[in-house]
Amino acid sequence: MRVGLAYDLKQTVRVDSTAPDDALEEYDSPATIEYIRKALEGAGHTVVTLGGGQEFIRNILQEKVDFVFNISEGRGTYRSREAQVPSILEMLDIPYTGSDPETLAICLDKPLTKKLVTLEGVSTPEWRVISNEKEIEEVSWNGFYFPAIVKPVYEGSSKGVHGKSLVDSAVQADETVREMLAVYRQPVMVEQFIDGDEVTVGMLGNTPPRVLGMMRILPRKQKNRFVYSVEVKRDWRNLVDYEAPSILKESTQALIEEYSLKTFKTLGCRDFARIDFRVSKDGIPYMLEINPLPGLGDYSDLVIMALKLGWTHEGVIAAVFNAALERHPLWVHG
């Protein structure tokens, strides 16, 4: 099969001088592209690199491909940016891996995601959204308990989440929100901080989807009020230990699995995803967000988890691709 590979490299995305230092955090490295290319070629496919942005548009119109392996994060700070490449592929009637444009757009919008899963009985921390400076003065903190995490609404990979994102009062929240509105140029969410374990869950497949595994992120130094920030993720080898399979109470694991499956299905995810939770001191899990387009590099949580559970890197990539192929029987049987 002739497989196109859609992606966005850090080196090819332009940012202006006012952009934050984590502006390119979600984009991929050449090493990740090479991992995926080798895995697909090892399975007997011919791989065509398509790139991202305008390069992707030119290439997808010129190259004949049967299927696209999509890891493109899209361009800009739009809440629908991850839907850009899948939207073009659907217009051209080319099948691809991963979730569709609607799901990708919804999941990048953290407050909308939280509203939808709450309707299905999934617990998530209380939150407030502030879209502009005027709303800073108007927001009500009645019934809202601090500490809280302040973060951009339409980002992933802990982009915008720093140590100083943890605030202890409304006054601190107002100051941090004001700064974040100016830097990230999008609405900001203030979310109650759950002081407990950080747990991430890997999801694979479709009918039915299954939990690949759960992984606890354990800080090596700071034990209380740990924030899985962008700085921690950049230096994960020195700052955290990853525990997979995770050692949690049986009742907590069961609830995390229930919430993960509900979240995956409710939001219409396909093929793979990663879901982040915080677990309170009394063992109650709270869903923070879902990434329906999780990273597949050797530094990515989904891959780290899978390797600890006995998978190979190539096996993870193959599982994602095969899950997508199974949604298209022509490619499985034809």
C-alpha atoms as a PDB file:
ATOM      1  CA  MET A   1       0.000   0.000   0.000  1.00  0.00           C
ATOM      2  CA  ARG A   2       1.153   3.544  -0.738  1.00  0.00           C
ATOM      3  CA  VAL A   3       0.877   5.398   2.588  1.00  0.00           C
ATOM      4  CA  GLY A   4       1.191   9.146   2.974  1.00  0.00           C
ATOM      5  CA  LEU A   5       2.646  10.558   6.194  1.00  0.00           C
ATOM      6  CA  ALA A   6       1.220  13.909   7.332  1.00  0.00           C
ATOM      7  CA  TYR A   7       3.086  15.763  10.079  1.00  0.00           C
ATOM      8  CA  ASP A   8       4.347  19.148  11.261  1.00  0.00           C
ATOM      9  CA  LEU A   9       8.045  19.490  12.055  1.00  0.00           C
ATOM     10  CA  LYS A  10       9.218  22.051  14.600  1.00  0.00           C
ATOM     11  CA  GLN A  11      11.753  23.300  12.050  1.00  0.00           C
ATOM     12  CA  THR A  12       9.113  24.127   9.427  1.00  0.00           C
ATOM     13  CA  VAL A  13       6.649  26.116  11.569  1.00  0.00           C
ATOM     14  CA  ARG A  14       7.295  29.837  11.699  1.00  0.00           C
ATOM     15  CA  VAL A  15       6.674  31.814  14.881  1.00  0.00           C
ATOM     16  CA  ASP A  16       7.154  35.523  15.484  1.00  0.00           C
ATOM     17  CA  SER A  17       9.470  37.084  18.041  1.00  0.00           C
ATOM     18  CA  THR A  18       6.638  37.587  20.537  1.00  0.00           C
ATOM     19  CA  ALA A  19       5.730  33.891  20.687  1.00  0.00           C
ATOM     20  CA  PRO A  20       6.281  32.027  23.986  1.00  0.00           C
ATOM     21  CA  ASP A  21       9.232  29.648  24.298  1.00  0.00           C
ATOM     22  CA  ASP A  22       6.892  26.653  24.141  1.00  0.00           C
ATOM     23  CA  ALA A  23       5.146  27.775  20.934  1.00  0.00           C
ATOM     24  CA  LEU A  24       6.450  24.734  19.019  1.00  0.00           C
ATOM     25  CA  GLU A  25       5.984  22.221  21.822  1.00  0.00           C
ATOM     26  CA  GLU A  26       3.353  20.101  20.071  1.00  0.00           C
ATOM     27  CA  TYR A  27       5.178  19.747  16.779  1.00  0.00           C
ATOM     28  CA  ASP A  28       7.319  16.735  15.942  1.00  0.00           C
ATOM     29  CA  SER A  29      10.987  15.984  15.408  1.00  0.00           C
ATOM     30  CA  PRO A  30      12.537  14.273  12.356  1.00  0.00           C
ATOM     31  CA  ALA A  31      13.305  11.267  14.592  1.00  0.00           C
ATOM     32  CA  THR A  32       9.584  10.661  15.200  1.00  0.00           C
ATOM     33  CA  ILE A  33       8.843  10.801  11.478  1.00  0.00           C
ATOM     34  CA  GLU A  34      11.641   8.301  10.892  1.00  0.00           C
ATOM     35  CA  TYR A  35      10.220   5.916  13.536  1.00  0.00           C
ATOM     36  CA  ILE A  36       6.843   5.909  11.812  1.00  0.00           C
ATOM     37  CA  ARG A  37       8.303   5.641   8.315  1.00  0.00           C
ATOM     38  CA  LYS A  38      10.443   2.638   9.257  1.00  0.00           C
ATOM     39  CA  ALA A  39       7.551   0.922  11.030  1.00  0.00           C
ATOM     40  CA  LEU A  40       5.282   1.272   8.007  1.00  0.00           C
ATOM     41  CA  GLU A  41       7.988   0.234   5.552  1.00  0.00           C
ATOM     42  CA  GLY A  42       8.792  -2.732   7.779  1.00  0.00           C
ATOM     43  CA  ALA A  43       5.188  -3.823   7.328  1.00  0.00           C
ATOM     44  CA  GLY A  44       5.643  -3.766   3.552  1.00  0.00           C
ATOM     45  CA  HIS A  45       4.176  -0.359   2.712  1.00  0.00           C
ATOM     46  CA  THR A  46       5.629   2.408   0.548  1.00  0.00           C
ATOM     47  CA  VAL A  47       5.776   5.663   2.506  1.00  0.00           C
ATOM     48  CA  VAL A  48       5.342   9.105   0.941  1.00  0.00           C
ATOM     49  CA  THR A  49       6.210  12.050   3.215  1.00  0.00           C
ATOM     50  CA  LEU A  50       3.590  14.787   2.876  1.00  0.00           C
ATOM     51  CA  GLY A  51       4.656  17.270   5.540  1.00  0.00           C
ATOM     52  CA  GLY A  52       2.235  19.854   6.868  1.00  0.00           C
ATOM     53  CA  GLY A  53       0.735  23.239   6.089  1.00  0.00           C
ATOM     54  CA  GLN A  54       0.941  24.394   2.486  1.00  0.00           C
ATOM     55  CA  GLU A  55       3.525  21.702   1.757  1.00  0.00           C
ATOM     56  CA  PHE A  56       0.938  19.078   2.711  1.00  0.00           C
ATOM     57  CA  ILE A  57      -1.658  20.644   0.408  1.00  0.00           C
ATOM     58  CA  ARG A  58       0.723  20.644  -2.544  1.00  0.00           C
ATOM     59  CA  ASN A  59       1.892  17.093  -1.915  1.00  0.00           C
ATOM     60  CA  ILE A  60      -1.496  15.514  -1.294  1.00  0.00           C
ATOM     61  CA  LEU A  61      -2.731  16.948  -4.606  1.00  0.00           C
ATOM     62  CA  GLN A  62       0.322  15.702  -6.509  1.00  0.00           C
ATOM     63  CA  GLU A  63       1.046  12.355  -4.898  1.00  0.00           C
ATOM     64  CA  LYS A  64      -1.255   9.373  -5.252  1.00  0.00           C
ATOM     65  CA  VAL A  65      -1.635   7.692  -1.884  1.00  0.00           C
ATOM     66  CA  ASP A  66      -4.032   4.994  -0.717  1.00  0.00           C
ATOM     67  CA  PHE A  67      -4.060   5.921   2.959  1.00  0.00           C
ATOM     68  CA  VAL A  68      -2.620   8.644   5.204  1.00  0.00           C
ATOM     69  CA  PHE A  69      -0.971   8.140   8.576  1.00  0.00           C
ATOM     70  CA  ASN A  70      -1.798  11.459  10.195  1.00  0.00           C
ATOM     71  CA  ILE A  71       0.050  13.042  13.116  1.00  0.00           C
ATOM     72  CA  SER A  72      -0.342  16.651  11.938  1.00  0.00           C
ATOM     73  CA  GLU A  73      -1.114  19.138  14.729  1.00  0.00           C
ATOM     74  CA  GLY A  74      -2.172  21.867  12.292  1.00  0.00           C
ATOM     75  CA  ARG A  75      -1.123  25.493  12.174  1.00  0.00           C
ATOM     76  CA  GLY A  76      -2.067  28.533  14.231  1.00  0.00           C
ATOM     77  CA  THR A  77      -3.772  28.786  17.620  1.00  0.00           C
ATOM     78  CA  TYR A  78      -7.228  27.877  16.318  1.00  0.00           C
ATOM     79  CA  ARG A  79      -9.265  25.421  18.351  1.00  0.00           C
ATOM     80  CA  SER A  80      -9.887  23.503  15.119  1.00  0.00           C
ATOM     81  CA  ARG A  81      -6.255  23.350  13.966  1.00  0.00           C
ATOM     82  CA  GLU A  82      -5.890  19.579  14.490  1.00  0.00           C
ATOM     83  CA  ALA A  83      -8.864  19.144  12.142  1.00  0.00           C
ATOM     84  CA  GLN A  84      -7.142  20.907   9.232  1.00  0.00           C
ATOM     85  CA  VAL A  85      -5.453  17.891   7.608  1.00  0.00           C
ATOM     86  CA  PRO A  86      -8.338  15.414   8.189  1.00  0.00           C
ATOM     87  CA  SER A  87     -10.776  17.935   6.683  1.00  0.00           C
ATOM     88  CA  ILE A  88      -8.730  18.108   3.481  1.00  0.00           C
ATOM     89  CA  LEU A  89      -8.421  14.317   3.367  1.00  0.00           C
ATOM     90  CA  GLU A  90     -12.175  13.886   3.745  1.00  0.00           C
ATOM     91  CA  MET A  91     -12.789  16.401   0.960  1.00  0.00           C
ATOM     92  CA  LEU A  92     -10.460  14.328  -1.255  1.00  0.00           C
ATOM     93  CA  ASP A  93     -12.001  11.039  -0.032  1.00  0.00           C
ATOM     94  CA  ILE A  94      -8.678   9.689   1.227  1.00  0.00           C
ATOM     95  CA  PRO A  95      -8.837   7.466   4.348  1.00  0.00           C
ATOM     96  CA  TYR A  96      -6.561   8.282   7.271  1.00  0.00           C
ATOM     97  CA  THR A  97      -5.615   7.243  10.787  1.00  0.00           C
ATOM     98  CA  GLY A  98      -7.100   8.802  13.890  1.00  0.00           C
ATOM     99  CA  SER A  99     -10.193  10.764  14.778  1.00  0.00           C
ATOM    100  CA  ASP A 100     -12.296  12.830  12.414  1.00  0.00           C
ATOM    101  CA  PRO A 101     -12.331  16.663  12.218  1.00  0.00           C
ATOM    102  CA  GLU A 102     -15.285  17.100  14.557  1.00  0.00           C
ATOM    103  CA  THR A 103     -13.731  15.036  17.351  1.00  0.00           C
ATOM    104  CA  LEU A 104     -10.314  16.644  16.947  1.00  0.00           C
ATOM    105  CA  ALA A 105     -11.822  20.136  17.158  1.00  0.00           C
ATOM    106  CA  ILE A 106     -13.941  19.297  20.194  1.00  0.00           C
ATOM    107  CA  CYS A 107     -11.119  17.613  22.113  1.00  0.00           C
ATOM    108  CA  LEU A 108      -8.740  20.547  21.652  1.00  0.00           C
ATOM    109  CA  ASP A 109     -11.359  22.741  23.337  1.00  0.00           C
ATOM    110  CA  LYS A 110     -10.799  21.767  26.988  1.00  0.00           C
ATOM    111  CA  PRO A 111     -13.934  23.355  28.502  1.00  0.00           C
ATOM    112  CA  LEU A 112     -16.223  21.900  25.826  1.00  0.00           C
ATOM    113  CA  THR A 113     -14.671  18.471  26.364  1.00  0.00           C
ATOM    114  CA  LYS A 114     -15.257  18.748  30.115  1.00  0.00           C
ATOM    115  CA  LYS A 115     -18.887  19.780  29.610  1.00  0.00           C
ATOM    116  CA  LEU A 116     -19.583  16.800  27.349  1.00  0.00           C
ATOM    117  CA  VAL A 117     -17.978  14.134  29.521  1.00  0.00           C
ATOM    118  CA  THR A 118     -19.626  15.554  32.640  1.00  0.00           C
ATOM    119  CA  LEU A 119     -22.986  14.841  31.020  1.00  0.00           C
ATOM    120  CA  GLU A 120     -21.924  11.179  30.873  1.00  0.00           C
ATOM    121  CA  GLY A 121     -21.051  11.046  34.554  1.00  0.00           C
ATOM    122  CA  VAL A 122     -17.284  11.481  34.263  1.00  0.00           C
ATOM    123  CA  SER A 123     -15.794  13.515  37.124  1.00  0.00           C
ATOM    124  CA  THR A 124     -13.665  16.508  36.182  1.00  0.00           C
ATOM    125  CA  PRO A 125     -12.325  19.396  38.295  1.00  0.00           C
ATOM    126  CA  GLU A 126     -14.377  22.596  38.548  1.00  0.00           C
ATOM    127  CA  TRP A 127     -13.280  25.342  36.162  1.00  0.00           C
ATOM    128  CA  ARG A 128     -13.751  28.883  34.908  1.00  0.00           C
ATOM    129  CA  VAL A 129     -13.013  30.215  31.406  1.00  0.00           C
ATOM    130  CA  ILE A 130     -11.874  33.785  30.801  1.00  0.00           C
ATOM    131  CA  SER A 131     -11.751  34.955  27.194  1.00  0.00           C
ATOM    132  CA  ASN A 132     -10.533  38.551  27.516  1.00  0.00           C
ATOM    133  CA  GLU A 133      -9.351  41.157  30.010  1.00  0.00           C
ATOM    134  CA  LYS A 134     -12.864  42.506  30.589  1.00  0.00           C
ATOM    135  CA  GLU A 135     -13.978  39.087  31.813  1.00  0.00           C
ATOM    136  CA  ILE A 136     -11.201  39.075  34.416  1.00  0.00           C
ATOM    137  CA  GLU A 137     -13.113  41.736  36.306  1.00  0.00           C
ATOM    138  CA  GLU A 138     -16.455  39.981  35.823  1.00  0.00           C
ATOM    139  CA  VAL A 139     -15.610  36.358  36.708  1.00  0.00           C
ATOM    140  CA  SER A 140     -17.216  35.024  39.886  1.00  0.00           C
ATOM    141  CA  TRP A 141     -15.075  32.947  42.223  1.00  0.00           C
ATOM    142  CA  ASN A 142     -18.010  32.067  44.472  1.00  0.00           C
ATOM    143  CA  GLY A 143     -17.905  28.348  45.240  1.00  0.00           C
ATOM    144  CA  PHE A 144     -14.541  27.941  43.546  1.00  0.00           C
ATOM    145  CA  TYR A 145     -11.791  26.521  45.728  1.00  0.00           C
ATOM    146  CA  PHE A 146      -8.105  27.184  45.286  1.00  0.00           C
ATOM    147  CA  PRO A 147      -5.366  26.155  44.515  1.00  0.00           C
ATOM    148  CA  ALA A 148      -5.929  26.040  40.771  1.00  0.00           C
ATOM    149  CA  ILE A 149      -4.049  25.570  37.515  1.00  0.00           C
ATOM    150  CA  VAL A 150      -4.172  28.312  34.876  1.00  0.00           C
ATOM    151  CA  LYS A 151      -3.693  27.136  31.287  1.00  0.00           C
ATOM    152  CA  PRO A 152      -4.547  28.027  27.675  1.00  0.00           C
ATOM    153  CA  VAL A 153      -7.811  26.527  26.453  1.00  0.00           C
ATOM    154  CA  TYR A 154      -6.725  25.275  23.021  1.00  0.00           C
ATOM    155  CA  GLU A 155      -3.326  23.662  23.607  1.00  0.00           C
ATOM    156  CA  GLY A 156      -1.775  20.275  24.407  1.00  0.00           C
ATOM    157  CA  SER A 157       1.599  18.798  25.444  1.00  0.00           C
ATOM    158  CA  SER A 158       1.422  20.928  28.645  1.00  0.00           C
ATOM    159  CA  LYS A 159       1.933  24.011  26.506  1.00  0.00           C
ATOM    160  CA  GLY A 160       1.338  27.010  28.747  1.00  0.00           C
ATOM    161  CA  VAL A 161       1.484  24.878  31.907  1.00  0.00           C
ATOM    162  CA  HIS A 162       4.439  26.005  34.020  1.00  0.00           C
ATOM    163  CA  GLY A 163       5.319  25.884  37.697  1.00  0.00           C
ATOM    164  CA  LYS A 164       3.899  29.402  38.088  1.00  0.00           C
ATOM    165  CA  SER A 165       0.602  28.220  36.575  1.00  0.00           C
ATOM    166  CA  LEU A 166      -0.374  26.917  40.035  1.00  0.00           C
ATOM    167  CA  VAL A 167      -2.171  29.732  41.875  1.00  0.00           C
ATOM    168  CA  ASP A 168      -3.480  29.912  45.428  1.00  0.00           C
ATOM    169  CA  SER A 169      -5.968  32.783  45.265  1.00  0.00           C
ATOM    170  CA  ALA A 170      -8.265  34.773  43.017  1.00  0.00           C
ATOM    171  CA  VAL A 171      -5.738  37.615  43.014  1.00  0.00           C
ATOM    172  CA  GLN A 172      -2.978  35.317  41.746  1.00  0.00           C
ATOM    173  CA  ALA A 173      -5.375  33.791  39.229  1.00  0.00           C
ATOM    174  CA  ASP A 174      -6.282  37.224  37.838  1.00  0.00           C
ATOM    175  CA  GLU A 175      -2.603  38.135  37.400  1.00  0.00           C
ATOM    176  CA  THR A 176      -1.706  34.848  35.725  1.00  0.00           C
ATOM    177  CA  VAL A 177      -4.763  34.898  33.460  1.00  0.00           C
ATOM    178  CA  ARG A 178      -3.930  38.436  32.328  1.00  0.00           C
ATOM    179  CA  GLU A 179      -0.392  37.398  31.431  1.00  0.00           C
ATOM    180  CA  MET A 180      -1.525  34.218  29.668  1.00  0.00           C
ATOM    181  CA  LEU A 181      -4.160  36.017  27.585  1.00  0.00           C
ATOM    182  CA  ALA A 182      -1.454  38.309  26.237  1.00  0.00           C
ATOM    183  CA  VAL A 183       1.108  35.564  25.575  1.00  0.00           C
ATOM    184  CA  TYR A 184      -1.048  32.740  24.157  1.00  0.00           C
ATOM    185  CA  ARG A 185      -3.718  34.858  22.434  1.00  0.00           C
ATOM    186  CA  GLN A 186      -6.634  32.595  23.269  1.00  0.00           C
ATOM    187  CA  PRO A 187      -9.067  32.014  26.149  1.00  0.00           C
ATOM    188  CA  VAL A 188      -7.650  30.783  29.435  1.00  0.00           C
ATOM    189  CA  MET A 189      -9.015  28.158  31.815  1.00  0.00           C
ATOM    190  CA  VAL A 190      -8.644  28.230  35.578  1.00  0.00           C
ATOM    191  CA  GLU A 191      -9.108  24.655  36.807  1.00  0.00           C
ATOM    192  CA  GLN A 192      -9.194  23.441  40.397  1.00  0.00           C
ATOM    193  CA  PHE A 193      -5.970  21.638  41.259  1.00  0.00           C
ATOM    194  CA  ILE A 194      -6.328  18.051  42.448  1.00  0.00           C
ATOM    195  CA  ASP A 195      -3.410  17.359  44.765  1.00  0.00           C
ATOM    196  CA  GLY A 196      -2.659  13.704  44.139  1.00  0.00           C
ATOM    197  CA  ASP A 197      -1.335  11.276  41.551  1.00  0.00           C
ATOM    198  CA  GLU A 198      -1.000  12.232  37.890  1.00  0.00           C
ATOM    199  CA  VAL A 199      -2.167   9.280  35.772  1.00  0.00           C
ATOM    200  CA  THR A 200      -2.296   8.975  32.013  1.00  0.00           C
ATOM    201  CA  VAL A 201      -4.243   6.299  30.138  1.00  0.00           C
ATOM    202  CA  GLY A 202      -3.511   4.897  26.677  1.00  0.00           C
ATOM    203  CA  MET A 203      -6.408   3.885  24.433  1.00  0.00           C
ATOM    204  CA  LEU A 204      -6.334   1.708  21.298  1.00  0.00           C
ATOM    205  CA  GLY A 205      -8.854   0.310  18.834  1.00  0.00           C
ATOM    206  CA  ASN A 206     -12.470   0.927  17.912  1.00  0.00           C
ATOM    207  CA  THR A 207     -14.969  -1.926  18.148  1.00  0.00           C
ATOM    208  CA  PRO A 208     -14.532  -2.044  20.996  1.00  0.00           C
ATOM    209  CA  PRO A 209     -11.769   0.329  22.067  1.00  0.00           C
ATOM    210  CA  ARG A 210      -9.594  -0.927  24.892  1.00  0.00           C
ATOM    211  CA  VAL A 211      -7.364   0.498  27.568  1.00  0.00           C
ATOM    212  CA  LEU A 212      -3.760  -0.167  26.567  1.00  0.00           C
ATOM    213  CA  GLY A 213      -2.595   0.685  30.072  1.00  0.00           C
ATOM    214  CA  MET A 214      -2.357   3.233  32.872  1.00  0.00           C
ATOM    215  CA  MET A 215       0.806   5.044  33.903  1.00  0.00           C
ATOM    216  CA  ARG A 216       1.525   7.099  37.015  1.00  0.00           C
ATOM    217  CA  ILE A 217       3.909  10.034  36.716  1.00  0.00           C
ATOM    218  CA  LEU A 218       5.942  10.166  39.920  1.00  0.00           C
ATOM    219  CA  PRO A 219       8.111  13.218  40.714  1.00  0.00           C
ATOM    220  CA  ARG A 220      11.589  12.413  41.986  1.00  0.00           C
ATOM    221  CA  LYS A 221      11.878  15.513  44.159  1.00  0.00           C
ATOM    222  CA  GLN A 222       8.700  17.512  44.720  1.00  0.00           C
ATOM    223  CA  LYS A 223       6.154  15.173  46.282  1.00  0.00           C
ATOM    224  CA  ASN A 224       3.334  17.616  47.076  1.00  0.00           C
ATOM    225  CA  ARG A 225       1.513  19.857  44.600  1.00  0.00           C
ATOM    226  CA  PHE A 226       3.351  18.290  41.695  1.00  0.00           C
ATOM    227  CA  VAL A 227       2.598  19.923  38.350  1.00  0.00           C
ATOM    228  CA  TYR A 228       3.337  17.931  35.185  1.00  0.00           C
ATOM    229  CA  SER A 229       4.544  21.080  33.470  1.00  0.00           C
ATOM    230  CA  VAL A 230       6.189  21.663  30.129  1.00  0.00           C
ATOM    231  CA  GLU A 231       9.538  22.041  31.936  1.00  0.00           C
ATOM    232  CA  VAL A 232       9.110  18.621  33.553  1.00  0.00           C
ATOM    233  CA  LYS A 233       8.179  16.989  30.234  1.00  0.00           C
ATOM    234  CA  ARG A 234      11.257  18.462  28.572  1.00  0.00           C
ATOM    235  CA  ASP A 235      13.537  16.937  31.231  1.00  0.00           C
ATOM    236  CA  TRP A 236      11.488  13.848  32.086  1.00  0.00           C
ATOM    237  CA  ARG A 237      14.474  11.504  32.275  1.00  0.00           C
ATOM    238  CA  ASN A 238      15.830  13.419  35.258  1.00  0.00           C
ATOM    239  CA  LEU A 239      12.706  14.723  36.973  1.00  0.00           C
ATOM    240  CA  VAL A 240      10.128  11.911  37.002  1.00  0.00           C
ATOM    241  CA  ASP A 241       9.687   8.168  37.133  1.00  0.00           C
ATOM    242  CA  TYR A 242       7.004   6.458  35.092  1.00  0.00           C
ATOM    243  CA  GLU A 243       5.133   3.582  36.710  1.00  0.00           C
ATOM    244  CA  ALA A 244       3.410   1.177  34.331  1.00  0.00           C
ATOM    245  CA  PRO A 245       1.473  -0.835  35.118  1.00  0.00           C
ATOM    246  CA  SER A 246       0.370   1.708  37.692  1.00  0.00           C
ATOM    247  CA  ILE A 247       0.011   0.685  41.312  1.00  0.00           C
ATOM    248  CA  LEU A 248      -3.383   2.061  42.299  1.00  0.00           C
ATOM    249  CA  LYS A 249      -6.282   0.823  44.380  1.00  0.00           C
ATOM    250  CA  GLU A 250      -8.381  -1.670  42.451  1.00  0.00           C
ATOM    251  CA  SER A 251     -11.491   0.494  42.820  1.00  0.00           C
ATOM    252  CA  THR A 252      -9.602   3.556  41.515  1.00  0.00           C
ATOM    253  CA  GLN A 253      -8.269   1.642  38.502  1.00  0.00           C
ATOM    254  CA  ALA A 254     -11.746   0.359  37.703  1.00  0.00           C
ATOM    255  CA  LEU A 255     -13.184   3.883  37.798  1.00  0.00           C
ATOM    256  CA  ILE A 256     -10.355   5.266  35.638  1.00  0.00           C
ATOM    257  CA  GLU A 257     -11.020   2.531  33.066  1.00  0.00           C
ATOM    258  CA  GLU A 258     -14.761   3.262  33.120  1.00  0.00           C
ATOM    259  CA  TYR A 259     -14.171   7.004  32.701  1.00  0.00           C
ATOM    260  CA  SER A 260     -11.612   6.429  29.931  1.00  0.00           C
ATOM    261  CA  LEU A 261     -13.930   4.268  27.862  1.00  0.00           C
ATOM    262  CA  LYS A 262     -16.827   6.686  28.376  1.00  0.00           C
ATOM    263  CA  THR A 263     -14.671   9.649  27.380  1.00  0.00           C
ATOM    264  CA  PHE A 264     -13.279   7.922  24.283  1.00  0.00           C
ATOM    265  CA  LYS A 265     -16.738   6.856  23.084  1.00  0.00           C
ATOM    266  CA  THR A 266     -18.597  10.041  24.018  1.00  0.00           C
ATOM    267  CA  LEU A 267     -16.192  12.219  22.068  1.00  0.00           C
ATOM    268  CA  GLY A 268     -16.148   9.895  19.059  1.00  0.00           C
ATOM    269  CA  CYS A 269     -12.439   9.088  19.183  1.00  0.00           C
ATOM    270  CA  ARG A 270     -10.935   6.560  16.786  1.00  0.00           C
ATOM    271  CA  ASP A 271      -7.900   4.281  16.676  1.00  0.00           C
ATOM    272  CA  PHE A 272      -5.915   5.736  19.608  1.00  0.00           C
ATOM    273  CA  ALA A 273      -5.886   8.430  22.259  1.00  0.00           C
ATOM    274  CA  ARG A 274      -4.379   9.368  25.593  1.00  0.00           C
ATOM    275  CA  ILE A 275      -6.436  10.604  28.549  1.00  0.00           C
ATOM    276  CA  ASP A 276      -5.022  12.467  31.543  1.00  0.00           C
ATOM    277  CA  PHE A 277      -6.327  12.195  35.092  1.00  0.00           C
ATOM    278  CA  ARG A 278      -5.517  13.433  38.565  1.00  0.00           C
ATOM    279  CA  VAL A 279      -6.384  11.132  41.450  1.00  0.00           C
ATOM    280  CA  SER A 280      -7.310  12.747  44.757  1.00  0.00           C
ATOM    281  CA  LYS A 281      -5.904  11.590  48.087  1.00  0.00           C
ATOM    282  CA  ASP A 282      -9.082   9.572  48.678  1.00  0.00           C
ATOM    283  CA  GLY A 283      -8.694   7.682  45.384  1.00  0.00           C
ATOM    284  CA  ILE A 284     -11.225   9.564  43.230  1.00  0.00           C
ATOM    285  CA  PRO A 285     -10.059  10.107  39.615  1.00  0.00           C
ATOM    286  CA  TYR A 286     -10.792  13.387  37.822  1.00  0.00           C
ATOM    287  CA  MET A 287     -10.477  13.559  34.053  1.00  0.00           C
ATOM    288  CA  LEU A 288      -8.425  16.586  32.968  1.00  0.00           C
ATOM    289  CA  GLU A 289      -8.288  16.301  29.184  1.00  0.00           C
ATOM    290  CA  ILE A 290      -7.996  13.925  26.268  1.00  0.00           C
ATOM    291  CA  ASN A 291      -5.519  13.934  23.410  1.00  0.00           C
ATOM    292  CA  PRO A 292      -6.999  12.117  20.387  1.00  0.00           C
ATOM    293  CA  LEU A 293      -3.746  12.736  18.509  1.00  0.00           C
ATOM    294  CA  PRO A 294      -1.076  11.779  21.057  1.00  0.00           C
ATOM    295  CA  GLY A 295       2.609  11.924  20.225  1.00  0.00           C
ATOM    296  CA  LEU A 296       4.340   8.817  18.890  1.00  0.00           C
ATOM    297  CA  GLY A 297       7.949   9.820  19.538  1.00  0.00           C
ATOM    298  CA  ASP A 298      10.177   7.955  21.983  1.00  0.00           C
ATOM    299  CA  TYR A 299       9.642  10.800  24.487  1.00  0.00           C
ATOM    300  CA  SER A 300       5.837  10.608  24.280  1.00  0.00           C
ATOM    301  CA  ASP A 301       3.824   9.319  27.235  1.00  0.00           C
ATOM    302  CA  LEU A 302       1.839   6.822  25.162  1.00  0.00           C
ATOM    303  CA  VAL A 303       5.005   5.232  23.776  1.00  0.00           C
ATOM    304  CA  ILE A 304       6.824   5.276  27.135  1.00  0.00           C
ATOM    305  CA  MET A 305       3.823   3.543  28.727  1.00  0.00           C
ATOM    306  CA  ALA A 306       3.583   0.926  25.980  1.00  0.00           C
ATOM    307  CA  LEU A 307       7.302   0.119  26.174  1.00  0.00           C
ATOM    308  CA  LYS A 308       7.035  -0.398  29.926  1.00  0.00           C
ATOM    309  CA  LEU A 309       4.116  -2.758  29.311  1.00  0.00           C
ATOM    310  CA  GLY A 310       6.139  -4.913  26.907  1.00  0.00           C
ATOM    311  CA  TRP A 311       5.291  -3.379  23.545  1.00  0.00           C
ATOM    312  CA  THR A 312       7.781  -2.294  20.928  1.00  0.00           C
ATOM    313  CA  HIS A 313       7.745   1.171  19.402  1.00  0.00           C
ATOM    314  CA  GLU A 314       6.997  -0.376  16.017  1.00  0.00           C
ATOM    315  CA  GLY A 315       4.177  -2.364  17.605  1.00  0.00           C
ATOM    316  CA  VAL A 316       2.428   0.779  18.834  1.00  0.00           C
ATOM    317  CA  ILE A 317       2.600   2.395  15.404  1.00  0.00           C
ATOM    318  CA  ALA A 318       1.372  -0.808  13.762  1.00  0.00           C
ATOM    319  CA  ALA A 319      -1.540  -1.054  16.229  1.00  0.00           C
ATOM    320  CA  VAL A 320      -2.675   2.473  15.381  1.00  0.00           C
ATOM    321  CA  PHE A 321      -2.416   1.842  11.644  1.00  0.00           C
ATOM    322  CA  ASN A 322      -4.178  -1.523  11.836  1.00  0.00           C
ATOM    323  CA  ALA A 323      -7.019  -0.047  13.888  1.00  0.00           C
ATOM    324  CA  ALA A 324      -7.552   2.520  11.132  1.00  0.00           C
ATOM    325  CA  LEU A 325      -7.377  -0.135   8.404  1.00  0.00           C
ATOM    326  CA  GLU A 326     -10.034  -2.187  10.165  1.00  0.00           C
ATOM    327  CA  ARG A 327     -12.435   0.735   9.720  1.00  0.00           C
ATOM    328  CA  HIS A 328     -11.895   0.367   5.967  1.00  0.00           C
ATOM    329  CA  PRO A 329     -12.540  -3.302   5.044  1.00  0.00           C
ATOM    330  CA  LEU A 330     -11.467  -2.680   1.438  1.00  0.00           C
ATOM    331  CA  TRP A 331      -7.875  -2.232   2.623  1.00  0.00           C
ATOM    332  CA  VAL A 332      -8.005  -5.139   5.048  1.00  0.00           C
ATOM    333  CA  HIS A 333      -9.437  -7.673   2.612  1.00  0.00           C
ATOM    334  CA  GLY A 334      -8.805  -6.066  -0.768  1.00  0.00           C
END
